Amino acid sequence: MPTKATTVGRQRLTLAARRLPPARSSSWVSSSARAVARPTTFLLGQVDTLPLGGFDSSCPAMAQGATRRARGEAYVKYINEKLGAKHAIQIVSECGHNDRCVYTTDAVLPVIFPKAP
């Protein structure tokens, strides 16, 4: 559960981002355009469904999804539909919120290290 200090810090960061000067906001636009244009595969753990280890359970966060996996799926859906990206999702079976499990799974290695054309 987030503390009052971390919640206040996040709110300040959000407000500061909204007040960026035009030069900064235009660079954000160009960097987000580059990010949409790059081929990306999001790796999500099949069982990353428990609110463990720093899970944000605030009302705005829960509106994004009740689990990390649900939030990841919602994010990819949003950027694909609203920003025109063509990003993929790979659900990594039998993995939760565990980087070692996700990145060492045989099904993920070709995504991380694709064969040269």
PDB file of N, CA and C in Angstrom:
ATOM      1  N   MET A   1       0.843  -1.172   0.000  1.00  0.00           N
ATOM      2  CA  MET A   1       0.000   0.000   0.000  1.00  0.00           C
ATOM      3  C   MET A   1       0.894   1.243   0.000  1.00  0.00           C
ATOM      4  N   PRO A   2       0.667   2.194  -0.913  1.00  0.00           N
ATOM      5  CA  PRO A   2       1.533   3.358  -0.973  1.00  0.00           C
ATOM      6  C   PRO A   2       1.381   4.232   0.264  1.00  0.00           C
ATOM      7  N   THR A   3       2.504   4.813   0.668  1.00  0.00           N
ATOM      8  CA  THR A   3       2.466   5.719   1.807  1.00  0.00           C
ATOM      9  C   THR A   3       1.997   7.084   1.344  1.00  0.00           C
ATOM     10  N   LYS A   4       1.665   7.925   2.315  1.00  0.00           N
ATOM     11  CA  LYS A   4       1.215   9.274   1.982  1.00  0.00           C
ATOM     12  C   LYS A   4       2.325  10.034   1.243  1.00  0.00           C
ATOM     13  N   ALA A   5       3.572   9.826   1.670  1.00  0.00           N
ATOM     14  CA  ALA A   5       4.697  10.527   1.039  1.00  0.00           C
ATOM     15  C   ALA A   5       4.864  10.129  -0.425  1.00  0.00           C
ATOM     16  N   THR A   6       4.756   8.824  -0.736  1.00  0.00           N
ATOM     17  CA  THR A   6       4.918   8.411  -2.129  1.00  0.00           C
ATOM     18  C   THR A   6       3.750   8.878  -2.978  1.00  0.00           C
ATOM     19  N   THR A   7       2.551   8.896  -2.405  1.00  0.00           N
ATOM     20  CA  THR A   7       1.391   9.380  -3.150  1.00  0.00           C
ATOM     21  C   THR A   7       1.538  10.861  -3.471  1.00  0.00           C
ATOM     22  N   VAL A   8       1.964  11.638  -2.490  1.00  0.00           N
ATOM     23  CA  VAL A   8       2.179  13.073  -2.709  1.00  0.00           C
ATOM     24  C   VAL A   8       3.274  13.283  -3.742  1.00  0.00           C
ATOM     25  N   GLY A   9       4.340  12.489  -3.664  1.00  0.00           N
ATOM     26  CA  GLY A   9       5.429  12.602  -4.640  1.00  0.00           C
ATOM     27  C   GLY A   9       4.965  12.318  -6.056  1.00  0.00           C
ATOM     28  N   ARG A  10       4.145  11.291  -6.220  1.00  0.00           N
ATOM     29  CA  ARG A  10       3.620  10.970  -7.544  1.00  0.00           C
ATOM     30  C   ARG A  10       2.733  12.084  -8.071  1.00  0.00           C
ATOM     31  N   GLN A  11       1.918  12.652  -7.185  1.00  0.00           N
ATOM     32  CA  GLN A  11       1.041  13.745  -7.610  1.00  0.00           C
ATOM     33  C   GLN A  11       1.860  14.948  -8.059  1.00  0.00           C
ATOM     34  N   ARG A  12       2.931  15.263  -7.346  1.00  0.00           N
ATOM     35  CA  ARG A  12       3.802  16.386  -7.741  1.00  0.00           C
ATOM     36  C   ARG A  12       4.459  16.116  -9.083  1.00  0.00           C
ATOM     37  N   LEU A  13       4.919  14.897  -9.292  1.00  0.00           N
ATOM     38  CA  LEU A  13       5.549  14.543 -10.557  1.00  0.00           C
ATOM     39  C   LEU A  13       4.555  14.676 -11.706  1.00  0.00           C
ATOM     40  N   THR A  14       3.328  14.233 -11.508  1.00  0.00           N
ATOM     41  CA  THR A  14       2.297  14.348 -12.535  1.00  0.00           C
ATOM     42  C   THR A  14       2.011  15.807 -12.855  1.00  0.00           C
ATOM     43  N   LEU A  15       1.882  16.628 -11.815  1.00  0.00           N
ATOM     44  CA  LEU A  15       1.625  18.053 -12.032  1.00  0.00           C
ATOM     45  C   LEU A  15       2.804  18.721 -12.736  1.00  0.00           C
ATOM     46  N   ALA A  16       4.019  18.347 -12.371  1.00  0.00           N
ATOM     47  CA  ALA A  16       5.202  18.927 -13.010  1.00  0.00           C
ATOM     48  C   ALA A  16       5.242  18.549 -14.493  1.00  0.00           C
ATOM     49  N   ALA A  17       4.878  17.327 -14.830  1.00  0.00           N
ATOM     50  CA  ALA A  17       4.880  16.896 -16.225  1.00  0.00           C
ATOM     51  C   ALA A  17       3.873  17.685 -17.051  1.00  0.00           C
ATOM     52  N   ARG A  18       2.757  18.052 -16.438  1.00  0.00           N
ATOM     53  CA  ARG A  18       1.738  18.835 -17.147  1.00  0.00           C
ATOM     54  C   ARG A  18       2.195  20.265 -17.410  1.00  0.00           C
ATOM     55  N   ARG A  19       3.155  20.741 -16.639  1.00  0.00           N
ATOM     56  CA  ARG A  19       3.625  22.120 -16.773  1.00  0.00           C
ATOM     57  C   ARG A  19       4.905  22.236 -17.594  1.00  0.00           C
ATOM     58  N   LEU A  20       5.248  21.224 -18.356  1.00  0.00           N
ATOM     59  CA  LEU A  20       6.465  21.277 -19.154  1.00  0.00           C
ATOM     60  C   LEU A  20       6.400  22.419 -20.166  1.00  0.00           C
ATOM     61  N   PRO A  21       7.507  23.105 -20.370  1.00  0.00           N
ATOM     62  CA  PRO A  21       7.520  24.146 -21.397  1.00  0.00           C
ATOM     63  C   PRO A  21       7.389  23.522 -22.779  1.00  0.00           C
ATOM     64  N   PRO A  22       7.000  24.311 -23.790  1.00  0.00           N
ATOM     65  CA  PRO A  22       6.771  23.766 -25.133  1.00  0.00           C
ATOM     66  C   PRO A  22       7.947  22.972 -25.689  1.00  0.00           C
ATOM     67  N   ALA A  23       9.167  23.420 -25.471  1.00  0.00           N
ATOM     68  CA  ALA A  23      10.327  22.696 -26.004  1.00  0.00           C
ATOM     69  C   ALA A  23      10.396  21.289 -25.424  1.00  0.00           C
ATOM     70  N   ARG A  24      10.137  21.165 -24.155  1.00  0.00           N
ATOM     71  CA  ARG A  24      10.154  19.847 -23.523  1.00  0.00           C
ATOM     72  C   ARG A  24       8.985  18.989 -23.983  1.00  0.00           C
ATOM     73  N   SER A  25       7.820  19.580 -24.077  1.00  0.00           N
ATOM     74  CA  SER A  25       6.661  18.786 -24.469  1.00  0.00           C
ATOM     75  C   SER A  25       6.774  18.343 -25.927  1.00  0.00           C
ATOM     76  N   SER A  26       7.372  19.169 -26.800  1.00  0.00           N
ATOM     77  CA  SER A  26       7.527  18.746 -28.188  1.00  0.00           C
ATOM     78  C   SER A  26       8.532  17.613 -28.297  1.00  0.00           C
ATOM     79  N   SER A  27       9.564  17.612 -27.441  1.00  0.00           N
ATOM     80  CA  SER A  27      10.505  16.497 -27.479  1.00  0.00           C
ATOM     81  C   SER A  27       9.819  15.231 -26.969  1.00  0.00           C
ATOM     82  N   TRP A  28       8.876  15.393 -26.009  1.00  0.00           N
ATOM     83  CA  TRP A  28       8.117  14.241 -25.548  1.00  0.00           C
ATOM     84  C   TRP A  28       7.277  13.683 -26.684  1.00  0.00           C
ATOM     85  N   VAL A  29       6.668  14.565 -27.462  1.00  0.00           N
ATOM     86  CA  VAL A  29       5.846  14.126 -28.587  1.00  0.00           C
ATOM     87  C   VAL A  29       6.701  13.362 -29.579  1.00  0.00           C
ATOM     88  N   SER A  30       7.886  13.877 -29.913  1.00  0.00           N
ATOM     89  CA  SER A  30       8.715  13.178 -30.889  1.00  0.00           C
ATOM     90  C   SER A  30       9.233  11.860 -30.327  1.00  0.00           C
ATOM     91  N   SER A  31       9.560  11.813 -29.028  1.00  0.00           N
ATOM     92  CA  SER A  31      10.036  10.550 -28.465  1.00  0.00           C
ATOM     93  C   SER A  31       8.901   9.528 -28.382  1.00  0.00           C
ATOM     94  N   SER A  32       7.680   9.986 -28.105  1.00  0.00           N
ATOM     95  CA  SER A  32       6.566   9.031 -28.077  1.00  0.00           C
ATOM     96  C   SER A  32       6.250   8.542 -29.488  1.00  0.00           C
ATOM     97  N   ALA A  33       6.421   9.396 -30.493  1.00  0.00           N
ATOM     98  CA  ALA A  33       6.213   8.963 -31.879  1.00  0.00           C
ATOM     99  C   ALA A  33       7.239   7.903 -32.265  1.00  0.00           C
ATOM    100  N   ARG A  34       8.493   8.105 -31.825  1.00  0.00           N
ATOM    101  CA  ARG A  34       9.523   7.095 -32.107  1.00  0.00           C
ATOM    102  C   ARG A  34       9.199   5.787 -31.399  1.00  0.00           C
ATOM    103  N   ALA A  35       8.723   5.886 -30.168  1.00  0.00           N
ATOM    104  CA  ALA A  35       8.394   4.676 -29.414  1.00  0.00           C
ATOM    105  C   ALA A  35       7.243   3.910 -30.056  1.00  0.00           C
ATOM    106  N   VAL A  36       6.275   4.619 -30.609  1.00  0.00           N
ATOM    107  CA  VAL A  36       5.148   3.970 -31.287  1.00  0.00           C
ATOM    108  C   VAL A  36       5.633   3.298 -32.566  1.00  0.00           C
ATOM    109  N   ALA A  37       6.583   3.913 -33.253  1.00  0.00           N
ATOM    110  CA  ALA A  37       7.065   3.389 -34.528  1.00  0.00           C
ATOM    111  C   ALA A  37       7.955   2.154 -34.365  1.00  0.00           C
ATOM    112  N   ARG A  38       8.603   2.006 -33.228  1.00  0.00           N
ATOM    113  CA  ARG A  38       9.506   0.869 -33.022  1.00  0.00           C
ATOM    114  C   ARG A  38       8.726  -0.414 -32.782  1.00  0.00           C
ATOM    115  N   PRO A  39       9.168  -1.506 -33.379  1.00  0.00           N
ATOM    116  CA  PRO A  39       8.506  -2.786 -33.088  1.00  0.00           C
ATOM    117  C   PRO A  39       8.806  -3.198 -31.645  1.00  0.00           C
ATOM    118  N   THR A  40       7.782  -3.492 -30.896  1.00  0.00           N
ATOM    119  CA  THR A  40       7.936  -3.797 -29.473  1.00  0.00           C
ATOM    120  C   THR A  40       7.048  -4.975 -29.106  1.00  0.00           C
ATOM    121  N   THR A  41       7.598  -5.859 -28.289  1.00  0.00           N
ATOM    122  CA  THR A  41       6.813  -6.948 -27.724  1.00  0.00           C
ATOM    123  C   THR A  41       6.852  -6.802 -26.212  1.00  0.00           C
ATOM    124  N   PHE A  42       5.697  -6.709 -25.597  1.00  0.00           N
ATOM    125  CA  PHE A  42       5.597  -6.600 -24.151  1.00  0.00           C
ATOM    126  C   PHE A  42       5.487  -7.994 -23.568  1.00  0.00           C
ATOM    127  N   LEU A  43       6.339  -8.295 -22.606  1.00  0.00           N
ATOM    128  CA  LEU A  43       6.346  -9.599 -21.955  1.00  0.00           C
ATOM    129  C   LEU A  43       5.595  -9.486 -20.639  1.00  0.00           C
ATOM    130  N   LEU A  44       4.538 -10.265 -20.493  1.00  0.00           N
ATOM    131  CA  LEU A  44       3.717 -10.232 -19.287  1.00  0.00           C
ATOM    132  C   LEU A  44       3.644 -11.628 -18.693  1.00  0.00           C
ATOM    133  N   GLY A  45       3.841 -11.726 -17.390  1.00  0.00           N
ATOM    134  CA  GLY A  45       3.758 -13.007 -16.708  1.00  0.00           C
ATOM    135  C   GLY A  45       2.331 -13.503 -16.631  1.00  0.00           C
ATOM    136  N   GLN A  46       2.123 -14.754 -16.978  1.00  0.00           N
ATOM    137  CA  GLN A  46       0.786 -15.339 -16.968  1.00  0.00           C
ATOM    138  C   GLN A  46       0.149 -15.247 -15.587  1.00  0.00           C
ATOM    139  N   VAL A  47       0.928 -15.459 -14.553  1.00  0.00           N
ATOM    140  CA  VAL A  47       0.371 -15.447 -13.202  1.00  0.00           C
ATOM    141  C   VAL A  47       0.827 -14.219 -12.412  1.00  0.00           C
ATOM    142  N   ASP A  48       1.101 -13.118 -13.096  1.00  0.00           N
ATOM    143  CA  ASP A  48       1.435 -11.862 -12.416  1.00  0.00           C
ATOM    144  C   ASP A  48       0.131 -11.185 -12.015  1.00  0.00           C
ATOM    145  N   THR A  49      -0.548 -11.822 -11.093  1.00  0.00           N
ATOM    146  CA  THR A  49      -1.896 -11.387 -10.736  1.00  0.00           C
ATOM    147  C   THR A  49      -2.044 -11.067  -9.255  1.00  0.00           C
ATOM    148  N   LEU A  50      -0.980 -11.225  -8.482  1.00  0.00           N
ATOM    149  CA  LEU A  50      -1.069 -10.949  -7.051  1.00  0.00           C
ATOM    150  C   LEU A  50      -0.473  -9.585  -6.736  1.00  0.00           C
ATOM    151  N   PRO A  51      -1.101  -8.824  -5.867  1.00  0.00           N
ATOM    152  CA  PRO A  51      -0.588  -7.498  -5.516  1.00  0.00           C
ATOM    153  C   PRO A  51       0.567  -7.576  -4.516  1.00  0.00           C
ATOM    154  N   LEU A  52       1.740  -7.953  -5.001  1.00  0.00           N
ATOM    155  CA  LEU A  52       2.915  -8.093  -4.143  1.00  0.00           C
ATOM    156  C   LEU A  52       3.956  -7.032  -4.477  1.00  0.00           C
ATOM    157  N   GLY A  53       4.835  -6.761  -3.545  1.00  0.00           N
ATOM    158  CA  GLY A  53       6.037  -5.970  -3.766  1.00  0.00           C
ATOM    159  C   GLY A  53       5.855  -4.614  -4.421  1.00  0.00           C
ATOM    160  N   GLY A  54       5.338  -3.649  -3.704  1.00  0.00           N
ATOM    161  CA  GLY A  54       5.235  -2.296  -4.231  1.00  0.00           C
ATOM    162  C   GLY A  54       4.091  -2.098  -5.198  1.00  0.00           C
ATOM    163  N   PHE A  55       3.104  -2.939  -5.151  1.00  0.00           N
ATOM    164  CA  PHE A  55       1.953  -2.831  -6.043  1.00  0.00           C
ATOM    165  C   PHE A  55       1.140  -1.601  -5.669  1.00  0.00           C
ATOM    166  N   ASP A  56       0.872  -0.756  -6.637  1.00  0.00           N
ATOM    167  CA  ASP A  56       0.114   0.471  -6.408  1.00  0.00           C
ATOM    168  C   ASP A  56      -1.376   0.137  -6.416  1.00  0.00           C
ATOM    169  N   SER A  57      -2.020   0.294  -5.279  1.00  0.00           N
ATOM    170  CA  SER A  57      -3.438  -0.027  -5.192  1.00  0.00           C
ATOM    171  C   SER A  57      -4.291   1.221  -4.986  1.00  0.00           C
ATOM    172  N   SER A  58      -3.768   2.372  -5.392  1.00  0.00           N
ATOM    173  CA  SER A  58      -4.553   3.601  -5.295  1.00  0.00           C
ATOM    174  C   SER A  58      -5.723   3.528  -6.279  1.00  0.00           C
ATOM    175  N   CYS A  59      -6.699   4.397  -6.089  1.00  0.00           N
ATOM    176  CA  CYS A  59      -7.879   4.391  -6.967  1.00  0.00           C
ATOM    177  C   CYS A  59      -7.500   4.596  -8.446  1.00  0.00           C
ATOM    178  N   PRO A  60      -6.640   5.585  -8.780  1.00  0.00           N
ATOM    179  CA  PRO A  60      -6.281   5.749 -10.194  1.00  0.00           C
ATOM    180  C   PRO A  60      -5.560   4.522 -10.760  1.00  0.00           C
ATOM    181  N   ALA A  61      -4.714   3.906  -9.948  1.00  0.00           N
ATOM    182  CA  ALA A  61      -3.997   2.715 -10.423  1.00  0.00           C
ATOM    183  C   ALA A  61      -4.952   1.549 -10.627  1.00  0.00           C
ATOM    184  N   MET A  62      -5.870   1.357  -9.706  1.00  0.00           N
ATOM    185  CA  MET A  62      -6.819   0.250  -9.830  1.00  0.00           C
ATOM    186  C   MET A  62      -7.754   0.452 -11.022  1.00  0.00           C
ATOM    187  N   ALA A  63      -7.979   1.705 -11.408  1.00  0.00           N
ATOM    188  CA  ALA A  63      -8.792   1.966 -12.598  1.00  0.00           C
ATOM    189  C   ALA A  63      -8.083   1.484 -13.860  1.00  0.00           C
ATOM    190  N   GLN A  64      -6.747   1.400 -13.810  1.00  0.00           N
ATOM    191  CA  GLN A  64      -5.984   0.898 -14.949  1.00  0.00           C
ATOM    192  C   GLN A  64      -6.026  -0.620 -15.032  1.00  0.00           C
ATOM    193  N   GLY A  65      -6.278  -1.268 -13.915  1.00  0.00           N
ATOM    194  CA  GLY A  65      -6.349  -2.722 -13.883  1.00  0.00           C
ATOM    195  C   GLY A  65      -6.073  -3.226 -12.488  1.00  0.00           C
ATOM    196  N   ALA A  66      -6.653  -4.336 -12.155  1.00  0.00           N
ATOM    197  CA  ALA A  66      -6.525  -4.883 -10.806  1.00  0.00           C
ATOM    198  C   ALA A  66      -5.227  -5.652 -10.594  1.00  0.00           C
ATOM    199  N   THR A  67      -4.538  -6.015 -11.679  1.00  0.00           N
ATOM    200  CA  THR A  67      -3.278  -6.750 -11.579  1.00  0.00           C
ATOM    201  C   THR A  67      -2.265  -6.139 -12.532  1.00  0.00           C
ATOM    202  N   ARG A  68      -0.990  -6.490 -12.337  1.00  0.00           N
ATOM    203  CA  ARG A  68       0.041  -5.990 -13.252  1.00  0.00           C
ATOM    204  C   ARG A  68      -0.210  -6.489 -14.672  1.00  0.00           C
ATOM    205  N   ARG A  69      -0.605  -7.733 -14.778  1.00  0.00           N
ATOM    206  CA  ARG A  69      -0.873  -8.276 -16.109  1.00  0.00           C
ATOM    207  C   ARG A  69      -2.024  -7.523 -16.776  1.00  0.00           C
ATOM    208  N   ALA A  70      -3.102  -7.266 -16.044  1.00  0.00           N
ATOM    209  CA  ALA A  70      -4.240  -6.535 -16.608  1.00  0.00           C
ATOM    210  C   ALA A  70      -3.824  -5.124 -17.020  1.00  0.00           C
ATOM    211  N   ARG A  71      -2.976  -4.486 -16.227  1.00  0.00           N
ATOM    212  CA  ARG A  71      -2.503  -3.143 -16.565  1.00  0.00           C
ATOM    213  C   ARG A  71      -1.636  -3.171 -17.818  1.00  0.00           C
ATOM    214  N   GLY A  72      -0.801  -4.188 -17.934  1.00  0.00           N
ATOM    215  CA  GLY A  72       0.032  -4.314 -19.128  1.00  0.00           C
ATOM    216  C   GLY A  72      -0.804  -4.529 -20.377  1.00  0.00           C
ATOM    217  N   GLU A  73      -1.797  -5.392 -20.283  1.00  0.00           N
ATOM    218  CA  GLU A  73      -2.675  -5.647 -21.430  1.00  0.00           C
ATOM    219  C   GLU A  73      -3.455  -4.386 -21.804  1.00  0.00           C
ATOM    220  N   ALA A  74      -3.928  -3.660 -20.796  1.00  0.00           N
ATOM    221  CA  ALA A  74      -4.675  -2.421 -21.066  1.00  0.00           C
ATOM    222  C   ALA A  74      -3.780  -1.369 -21.714  1.00  0.00           C
ATOM    223  N   TYR A  75      -2.528  -1.281 -21.257  1.00  0.00           N
ATOM    224  CA  TYR A  75      -1.592  -0.296 -21.818  1.00  0.00           C
ATOM    225  C   TYR A  75      -1.311  -0.585 -23.290  1.00  0.00           C
ATOM    226  N   VAL A  76      -1.034  -1.833 -23.607  1.00  0.00           N
ATOM    227  CA  VAL A  76      -0.741  -2.192 -24.997  1.00  0.00           C
ATOM    228  C   VAL A  76      -1.979  -1.968 -25.871  1.00  0.00           C
ATOM    229  N   LYS A  77      -3.130  -2.308 -25.365  1.00  0.00           N
ATOM    230  CA  LYS A  77      -4.368  -2.061 -26.116  1.00  0.00           C
ATOM    231  C   LYS A  77      -4.526  -0.570 -26.381  1.00  0.00           C
ATOM    232  N   TYR A  78      -4.262   0.254 -25.373  1.00  0.00           N
ATOM    233  CA  TYR A  78      -4.389   1.705 -25.517  1.00  0.00           C
ATOM    234  C   TYR A  78      -3.431   2.254 -26.575  1.00  0.00           C
ATOM    235  N   ILE A  79      -2.152   1.903 -26.488  1.00  0.00           N
ATOM    236  CA  ILE A  79      -1.207   2.482 -27.449  1.00  0.00           C
ATOM    237  C   ILE A  79      -1.429   1.945 -28.854  1.00  0.00           C
ATOM    238  N   ASN A  80      -1.924   0.723 -28.968  1.00  0.00           N
ATOM    239  CA  ASN A  80      -2.226   0.202 -30.299  1.00  0.00           C
ATOM    240  C   ASN A  80      -3.455   0.889 -30.899  1.00  0.00           C
ATOM    241  N   GLU A  81      -4.499   1.050 -30.100  1.00  0.00           N
ATOM    242  CA  GLU A  81      -5.740   1.630 -30.623  1.00  0.00           C
ATOM    243  C   GLU A  81      -5.691   3.151 -30.727  1.00  0.00           C
ATOM    244  N   LYS A  82      -5.151   3.817 -29.734  1.00  0.00           N
ATOM    245  CA  LYS A  82      -5.197   5.282 -29.691  1.00  0.00           C
ATOM    246  C   LYS A  82      -4.018   5.950 -30.372  1.00  0.00           C
ATOM    247  N   LEU A  83      -2.844   5.314 -30.316  1.00  0.00           N
ATOM    248  CA  LEU A  83      -1.646   5.935 -30.890  1.00  0.00           C
ATOM    249  C   LEU A  83      -1.214   5.287 -32.199  1.00  0.00           C
ATOM    250  N   GLY A  84      -1.890   4.232 -32.599  1.00  0.00           N
ATOM    251  CA  GLY A  84      -1.587   3.597 -33.873  1.00  0.00           C
ATOM    252  C   GLY A  84      -0.378   2.683 -33.866  1.00  0.00           C
ATOM    253  N   ALA A  85       0.061   2.260 -32.695  1.00  0.00           N
ATOM    254  CA  ALA A  85       1.192   1.331 -32.630  1.00  0.00           C
ATOM    255  C   ALA A  85       0.737  -0.056 -33.072  1.00  0.00           C
ATOM    256  N   LYS A  86       1.699  -0.901 -33.322  1.00  0.00           N
ATOM    257  CA  LYS A  86       1.402  -2.290 -33.678  1.00  0.00           C
ATOM    258  C   LYS A  86       2.231  -3.215 -32.777  1.00  0.00           C
ATOM    259  N   HIS A  87       2.189  -2.913 -31.489  1.00  0.00           N
ATOM    260  CA  HIS A  87       2.970  -3.674 -30.523  1.00  0.00           C
ATOM    261  C   HIS A  87       2.284  -4.996 -30.200  1.00  0.00           C
ATOM    262  N   ALA A  88       3.098  -5.960 -29.817  1.00  0.00           N
ATOM    263  CA  ALA A  88       2.595  -7.294 -29.496  1.00  0.00           C
ATOM    264  C   ALA A  88       2.723  -7.552 -27.998  1.00  0.00           C
ATOM    265  N   ILE A  89       1.954  -8.505 -27.541  1.00  0.00           N
ATOM    266  CA  ILE A  89       2.046  -8.976 -26.160  1.00  0.00           C
ATOM    267  C   ILE A  89       2.395 -10.454 -26.210  1.00  0.00           C
ATOM    268  N   GLN A  90       3.330 -10.837 -25.374  1.00  0.00           N
ATOM    269  CA  GLN A  90       3.598 -12.258 -25.205  1.00  0.00           C
ATOM    270  C   GLN A  90       3.361 -12.589 -23.733  1.00  0.00           C
ATOM    271  N   ILE A  91       2.411 -13.451 -23.477  1.00  0.00           N
ATOM    272  CA  ILE A  91       2.138 -13.903 -22.120  1.00  0.00           C
ATOM    273  C   ILE A  91       3.097 -15.054 -21.838  1.00  0.00           C
ATOM    274  N   VAL A  92       3.917 -14.896 -20.829  1.00  0.00           N
ATOM    275  CA  VAL A  92       4.921 -15.902 -20.494  1.00  0.00           C
ATOM    276  C   VAL A  92       4.305 -16.861 -19.488  1.00  0.00           C
ATOM    277  N   SER A  93       4.097 -18.083 -19.945  1.00  0.00           N
ATOM    278  CA  SER A  93       3.383 -19.067 -19.119  1.00  0.00           C
ATOM    279  C   SER A  93       4.162 -19.407 -17.852  1.00  0.00           C
ATOM    280  N   GLU A  94       3.400 -19.611 -16.798  1.00  0.00           N
ATOM    281  CA  GLU A  94       3.901 -20.037 -15.495  1.00  0.00           C
ATOM    282  C   GLU A  94       4.848 -19.053 -14.823  1.00  0.00           C
ATOM    283  N   CYS A  95       4.860 -17.786 -15.275  1.00  0.00           N
ATOM    284  CA  CYS A  95       5.698 -16.772 -14.639  1.00  0.00           C
ATOM    285  C   CYS A  95       4.824 -15.713 -13.992  1.00  0.00           C
ATOM    286  N   GLY A  96       5.251 -15.265 -12.828  1.00  0.00           N
ATOM    287  CA  GLY A  96       4.593 -14.166 -12.147  1.00  0.00           C
ATOM    288  C   GLY A  96       5.419 -12.905 -12.346  1.00  0.00           C
ATOM    289  N   HIS A  97       5.558 -12.117 -11.292  1.00  0.00           N
ATOM    290  CA  HIS A  97       6.338 -10.884 -11.333  1.00  0.00           C
ATOM    291  C   HIS A  97       7.775 -11.236 -10.982  1.00  0.00           C
ATOM    292  N   ASN A  98       8.429 -11.955 -11.897  1.00  0.00           N
ATOM    293  CA  ASN A  98       9.756 -12.496 -11.636  1.00  0.00           C
ATOM    294  C   ASN A  98      10.586 -12.392 -12.903  1.00  0.00           C
ATOM    295  N   ASP A  99      11.540 -11.473 -12.907  1.00  0.00           N
ATOM    296  CA  ASP A  99      12.339 -11.249 -14.112  1.00  0.00           C
ATOM    297  C   ASP A  99      13.139 -12.474 -14.524  1.00  0.00           C
ATOM    298  N   ARG A 100      13.669 -13.217 -13.579  1.00  0.00           N
ATOM    299  CA  ARG A 100      14.453 -14.403 -13.933  1.00  0.00           C
ATOM    300  C   ARG A 100      13.588 -15.423 -14.659  1.00  0.00           C
ATOM    301  N   CYS A 101      12.381 -15.617 -14.198  1.00  0.00           N
ATOM    302  CA  CYS A 101      11.474 -16.559 -14.845  1.00  0.00           C
ATOM    303  C   CYS A 101      11.126 -16.087 -16.260  1.00  0.00           C
ATOM    304  N   VAL A 102      10.786 -14.809 -16.398  1.00  0.00           N
ATOM    305  CA  VAL A 102      10.361 -14.278 -17.693  1.00  0.00           C
ATOM    306  C   VAL A 102      11.499 -14.319 -18.713  1.00  0.00           C
ATOM    307  N   TYR A 103      12.673 -13.802 -18.349  1.00  0.00           N
ATOM    308  CA  TYR A 103      13.747 -13.639 -19.329  1.00  0.00           C
ATOM    309  C   TYR A 103      14.539 -14.893 -19.620  1.00  0.00           C
ATOM    310  N   THR A 104      14.338 -15.957 -18.878  1.00  0.00           N
ATOM    311  CA  THR A 104      15.068 -17.196 -19.169  1.00  0.00           C
ATOM    312  C   THR A 104      14.171 -18.288 -19.728  1.00  0.00           C
ATOM    313  N   THR A 105      12.937 -17.967 -20.030  1.00  0.00           N
ATOM    314  CA  THR A 105      12.007 -18.936 -20.605  1.00  0.00           C
ATOM    315  C   THR A 105      12.344 -19.146 -22.081  1.00  0.00           C
ATOM    316  N   ASP A 106      12.335 -20.383 -22.524  1.00  0.00           N
ATOM    317  CA  ASP A 106      12.693 -20.701 -23.913  1.00  0.00           C
ATOM    318  C   ASP A 106      11.845 -19.933 -24.924  1.00  0.00           C
ATOM    319  N   ALA A 107      10.593 -19.706 -24.632  1.00  0.00           N
ATOM    320  CA  ALA A 107       9.716 -19.008 -25.580  1.00  0.00           C
ATOM    321  C   ALA A 107      10.075 -17.529 -25.716  1.00  0.00           C
ATOM    322  N   VAL A 108      10.744 -16.966 -24.728  1.00  0.00           N
ATOM    323  CA  VAL A 108      11.064 -15.537 -24.735  1.00  0.00           C
ATOM    324  C   VAL A 108      12.414 -15.246 -25.393  1.00  0.00           C
ATOM    325  N   LEU A 109      13.328 -16.164 -25.323  1.00  0.00           N
ATOM    326  CA  LEU A 109      14.680 -15.914 -25.856  1.00  0.00           C
ATOM    327  C   LEU A 109      14.684 -15.462 -27.317  1.00  0.00           C
ATOM    328  N   PRO A 110      13.884 -16.051 -28.218  1.00  0.00           N
ATOM    329  CA  PRO A 110      13.873 -15.552 -29.600  1.00  0.00           C
ATOM    330  C   PRO A 110      13.310 -14.133 -29.722  1.00  0.00           C
ATOM    331  N   VAL A 111      12.480 -13.713 -28.775  1.00  0.00           N
ATOM    332  CA  VAL A 111      11.949 -12.347 -28.795  1.00  0.00           C
ATOM    333  C   VAL A 111      13.043 -11.368 -28.398  1.00  0.00           C
ATOM    334  N   ILE A 112      13.830 -11.732 -27.397  1.00  0.00           N
ATOM    335  CA  ILE A 112      14.889 -10.858 -26.918  1.00  0.00           C
ATOM    336  C   ILE A 112      16.084 -10.864 -27.878  1.00  0.00           C
ATOM    337  N   PHE A 113      16.411 -12.025 -28.399  1.00  0.00           N
ATOM    338  CA  PHE A 113      17.553 -12.176 -29.295  1.00  0.00           C
ATOM    339  C   PHE A 113      17.094 -12.729 -30.646  1.00  0.00           C
ATOM    340  N   PRO A 114      16.458 -11.882 -31.484  1.00  0.00           N
ATOM    341  CA  PRO A 114      15.989 -12.386 -32.771  1.00  0.00           C
ATOM    342  C   PRO A 114      17.161 -12.744 -33.687  1.00  0.00           C
ATOM    343  N   LYS A 115      16.910 -13.685 -34.560  1.00  0.00           N
ATOM    344  CA  LYS A 115      17.948 -14.062 -35.535  1.00  0.00           C
ATOM    345  C   LYS A 115      18.083 -12.961 -36.568  1.00  0.00           C
ATOM    346  N   ALA A 116      19.303 -12.693 -36.954  1.00  0.00           N
ATOM    347  CA  ALA A 116      19.553 -11.649 -37.958  1.00  0.00           C
ATOM    348  C   ALA A 116      18.966 -12.078 -39.308  1.00  0.00           C
ATOM    349  N   PRO A 117      18.394 -11.120 -40.067  1.00  0.00           N
ATOM    350  CA  PRO A 117      17.789 -11.486 -41.354  1.00  0.00           C
ATOM    351  C   PRO A 117      18.804 -11.926 -42.374  1.00  0.00           C
TER     352      PRO A 117
END
